[in-house]
Amino acid sequence: MEASALAVSPCDAIAERIYEFLDGELSAEEDAEVRRHLTACASCARAATRDGAFLRVLEQRVAIDRAPPALRERLIALLAAARATAGAPGEGDEGGAGGAGSGVGGGPRRTPDWPTDPS
């Protein structure tokens, strides 16, 4: 996982991707990298646990209506066309917004399965 120009530490890089991690939107490699960091860094593990709890509270308090299937299919096609035109990486990816495993649209969010106290 490459840190952006603003990220100055491994913890910053993890913080930038934590919501994607919690929503299950990272590649297997990126997911494993975040998981390794959370296992080794108590501070980031606590922050990820807190952020995950915050997302679960939001899901319980906010009704999320799923888009009708025809609209979802149209949006997916438009996004795929835009990616192909722009040559963006990730064309055909399965874990984008609203994809399998995503919290978007009421899907399950990741629950903490990393140690919160790596002693």
C-alpha atoms as a PDB file:
ATOM      1  CA  MET A   1       0.000   0.000   0.000  1.00  0.00           C
ATOM      2  CA  GLU A   2       1.500   3.282  -1.030  1.00  0.00           C
ATOM      3  CA  ALA A   3       1.168   6.201   1.347  1.00  0.00           C
ATOM      4  CA  SER A   4       0.048   9.461  -0.160  1.00  0.00           C
ATOM      5  CA  ALA A   5       2.233  12.562  -0.088  1.00  0.00           C
ATOM      6  CA  LEU A   6       0.460  13.646   3.102  1.00  0.00           C
ATOM      7  CA  ALA A   7       1.033  10.377   4.951  1.00  0.00           C
ATOM      8  CA  VAL A   8       4.272  10.555   6.886  1.00  0.00           C
ATOM      9  CA  SER A   9       4.127   7.330   8.886  1.00  0.00           C
ATOM     10  CA  PRO A  10       2.798   3.789   8.557  1.00  0.00           C
ATOM     11  CA  CYS A  11       0.009   4.753  10.971  1.00  0.00           C
ATOM     12  CA  ASP A  12      -1.021   7.629   8.682  1.00  0.00           C
ATOM     13  CA  ALA A  13      -1.158   5.245   5.715  1.00  0.00           C
ATOM     14  CA  ILE A  14      -3.364   2.853   7.692  1.00  0.00           C
ATOM     15  CA  ALA A  15      -5.626   5.689   8.865  1.00  0.00           C
ATOM     16  CA  GLU A  16      -6.163   6.733   5.236  1.00  0.00           C
ATOM     17  CA  ARG A  17      -7.459   3.253   4.336  1.00  0.00           C
ATOM     18  CA  ILE A  18      -9.202   2.161   7.537  1.00  0.00           C
ATOM     19  CA  TYR A  19     -12.760   2.700   6.298  1.00  0.00           C
ATOM     20  CA  GLU A  20     -12.020   0.750   3.123  1.00  0.00           C
ATOM     21  CA  PHE A  21     -10.609  -1.990   5.346  1.00  0.00           C
ATOM     22  CA  LEU A  22     -13.648  -1.989   7.617  1.00  0.00           C
ATOM     23  CA  ASP A  23     -15.947  -2.144   4.582  1.00  0.00           C
ATOM     24  CA  GLY A  24     -13.979  -5.044   3.079  1.00  0.00           C
ATOM     25  CA  GLU A  25     -13.044  -3.011   0.001  1.00  0.00           C
ATOM     26  CA  LEU A  26      -9.273  -3.615  -0.033  1.00  0.00           C
ATOM     27  CA  SER A  27      -7.445  -6.179  -2.128  1.00  0.00           C
ATOM     28  CA  ALA A  28      -6.294  -9.305  -0.302  1.00  0.00           C
ATOM     29  CA  GLU A  29      -2.744  -7.929  -0.196  1.00  0.00           C
ATOM     30  CA  GLU A  30      -3.797  -4.543   1.204  1.00  0.00           C
ATOM     31  CA  ASP A  31      -6.140  -6.213   3.690  1.00  0.00           C
ATOM     32  CA  ALA A  32      -3.292  -8.409   4.952  1.00  0.00           C
ATOM     33  CA  GLU A  33      -1.005  -5.381   5.261  1.00  0.00           C
ATOM     34  CA  VAL A  34      -3.573  -3.460   7.324  1.00  0.00           C
ATOM     35  CA  ARG A  35      -4.241  -6.535   9.456  1.00  0.00           C
ATOM     36  CA  ARG A  36      -0.483  -6.976  10.153  1.00  0.00           C
ATOM     37  CA  HIS A  37      -0.227  -3.339  11.198  1.00  0.00           C
ATOM     38  CA  LEU A  38      -3.292  -3.582  13.458  1.00  0.00           C
ATOM     39  CA  THR A  39      -1.810  -6.668  15.106  1.00  0.00           C
ATOM     40  CA  ALA A  40       1.433  -4.833  15.852  1.00  0.00           C
ATOM     41  CA  CYS A  41       0.129  -1.336  16.666  1.00  0.00           C
ATOM     42  CA  ALA A  42      -2.143  -1.011  19.691  1.00  0.00           C
ATOM     43  CA  SER A  43      -2.968   2.608  18.907  1.00  0.00           C
ATOM     44  CA  CYS A  44      -4.182   1.861  15.378  1.00  0.00           C
ATOM     45  CA  ALA A  45      -6.026  -1.253  16.579  1.00  0.00           C
ATOM     46  CA  ARG A  46      -7.918   0.867  19.130  1.00  0.00           C
ATOM     47  CA  ALA A  47      -8.712   3.480  16.467  1.00  0.00           C
ATOM     48  CA  ALA A  48      -9.936   0.806  14.038  1.00  0.00           C
ATOM     49  CA  THR A  49     -12.113  -0.755  16.742  1.00  0.00           C
ATOM     50  CA  ARG A  50     -13.551   2.675  17.558  1.00  0.00           C
ATOM     51  CA  ASP A  51     -14.171   3.482  13.882  1.00  0.00           C
ATOM     52  CA  GLY A  52     -15.836   0.101  13.337  1.00  0.00           C
ATOM     53  CA  ALA A  53     -18.111   0.687  16.332  1.00  0.00           C
ATOM     54  CA  PHE A  54     -18.978   4.143  14.976  1.00  0.00           C
ATOM     55  CA  LEU A  55     -19.931   2.663  11.599  1.00  0.00           C
ATOM     56  CA  ARG A  56     -22.123   0.006  13.255  1.00  0.00           C
ATOM     57  CA  VAL A  57     -23.935   2.695  15.277  1.00  0.00           C
ATOM     58  CA  LEU A  58     -24.538   4.687  12.098  1.00  0.00           C
ATOM     59  CA  GLU A  59     -25.946   1.627  10.367  1.00  0.00           C
ATOM     60  CA  GLN A  60     -28.341   1.026  13.240  1.00  0.00           C
ATOM     61  CA  ARG A  61     -29.512   4.657  13.309  1.00  0.00           C
ATOM     62  CA  VAL A  62     -29.735   5.424   9.603  1.00  0.00           C
ATOM     63  CA  ALA A  63     -32.076   3.704   7.226  1.00  0.00           C
ATOM     64  CA  ILE A  64     -30.289   2.916   3.999  1.00  0.00           C
ATOM     65  CA  ASP A  65     -32.519   2.287   1.031  1.00  0.00           C
ATOM     66  CA  ARG A  66     -31.029   0.093  -1.638  1.00  0.00           C
ATOM     67  CA  ALA A  67     -31.188   1.447  -5.146  1.00  0.00           C
ATOM     68  CA  PRO A  68     -33.496  -0.475  -7.475  1.00  0.00           C
ATOM     69  CA  PRO A  69     -31.649  -3.198  -9.427  1.00  0.00           C
ATOM     70  CA  ALA A  70     -32.049  -1.390 -12.771  1.00  0.00           C
ATOM     71  CA  LEU A  71     -30.473   1.783 -11.357  1.00  0.00           C
ATOM     72  CA  ARG A  72     -27.631  -0.171  -9.760  1.00  0.00           C
ATOM     73  CA  GLU A  73     -26.899  -1.950 -13.051  1.00  0.00           C
ATOM     74  CA  ARG A  74     -26.939   1.367 -14.929  1.00  0.00           C
ATOM     75  CA  LEU A  75     -24.557   2.986 -12.434  1.00  0.00           C
ATOM     76  CA  ILE A  76     -22.204   0.008 -12.524  1.00  0.00           C
ATOM     77  CA  ALA A  77     -22.142   0.179 -16.329  1.00  0.00           C
ATOM     78  CA  LEU A  78     -21.485   3.942 -16.258  1.00  0.00           C
ATOM     79  CA  LEU A  79     -18.658   3.521 -13.740  1.00  0.00           C
ATOM     80  CA  ALA A  80     -17.102   0.715 -15.790  1.00  0.00           C
ATOM     81  CA  ALA A  81     -17.269   2.884 -18.925  1.00  0.00           C
ATOM     82  CA  ALA A  82     -15.714   5.830 -17.089  1.00  0.00           C
ATOM     83  CA  ARG A  83     -12.889   3.615 -15.773  1.00  0.00           C
ATOM     84  CA  ALA A  84     -12.249   2.193 -19.238  1.00  0.00           C
ATOM     85  CA  THR A  85     -12.173   5.679 -20.756  1.00  0.00           C
ATOM     86  CA  ALA A  86      -9.862   7.018 -18.058  1.00  0.00           C
ATOM     87  CA  GLY A  87      -7.759   3.870 -18.019  1.00  0.00           C
ATOM     88  CA  ALA A  88      -8.113   3.835 -14.245  1.00  0.00           C
ATOM     89  CA  PRO A  89      -6.674   0.890 -12.349  1.00  0.00           C
ATOM     90  CA  GLY A  90      -9.232  -1.386 -10.792  1.00  0.00           C
ATOM     91  CA  GLU A  91     -11.381  -1.851 -13.864  1.00  0.00           C
ATOM     92  CA  GLY A  92     -13.579  -4.821 -13.126  1.00  0.00           C
ATOM     93  CA  ASP A  93     -12.699  -4.852  -9.426  1.00  0.00           C
ATOM     94  CA  GLU A  94     -15.193  -6.596  -7.251  1.00  0.00           C
ATOM     95  CA  GLY A  95     -14.893  -4.591  -4.053  1.00  0.00           C
ATOM     96  CA  GLY A  96     -15.718  -1.028  -4.968  1.00  0.00           C
ATOM     97  CA  ALA A  97     -18.403   1.116  -3.371  1.00  0.00           C
ATOM     98  CA  GLY A  98     -21.461  -0.998  -2.953  1.00  0.00           C
ATOM     99  CA  GLY A  99     -19.595  -4.139  -3.987  1.00  0.00           C
ATOM    100  CA  ALA A 100     -19.636  -7.465  -2.254  1.00  0.00           C
ATOM    101  CA  GLY A 101     -18.725  -7.134   1.394  1.00  0.00           C
ATOM    102  CA  SER A 102     -19.163  -3.389   1.407  1.00  0.00           C
ATOM    103  CA  GLY A 103     -21.129  -1.624   4.092  1.00  0.00           C
ATOM    104  CA  VAL A 104     -22.791   0.457   1.385  1.00  0.00           C
ATOM    105  CA  GLY A 105     -26.420  -0.471   0.924  1.00  0.00           C
ATOM    106  CA  GLY A 106     -26.698  -2.335   4.208  1.00  0.00           C
ATOM    107  CA  GLY A 107     -24.082  -5.053   3.640  1.00  0.00           C
ATOM    108  CA  PRO A 108     -22.129  -6.414   6.603  1.00  0.00           C
ATOM    109  CA  ARG A 109     -19.236  -4.429   8.007  1.00  0.00           C
ATOM    110  CA  ARG A 110     -16.090  -6.019   9.325  1.00  0.00           C
ATOM    111  CA  THR A 111     -16.093  -6.712  13.034  1.00  0.00           C
ATOM    112  CA  PRO A 112     -12.805  -6.496  14.920  1.00  0.00           C
ATOM    113  CA  ASP A 113     -10.830  -9.697  14.498  1.00  0.00           C
ATOM    114  CA  TRP A 114      -7.438  -8.244  15.321  1.00  0.00           C
ATOM    115  CA  PRO A 115      -5.924  -8.035  18.780  1.00  0.00           C
ATOM    116  CA  THR A 116      -6.668  -4.749  20.495  1.00  0.00           C
ATOM    117  CA  ASP A 117      -3.735  -5.140  22.918  1.00  0.00           C
ATOM    118  CA  PRO A 118      -0.651  -6.623  21.229  1.00  0.00           C
ATOM    119  CA  SER A 119       1.229  -7.380  24.466  1.00  0.00           C
END
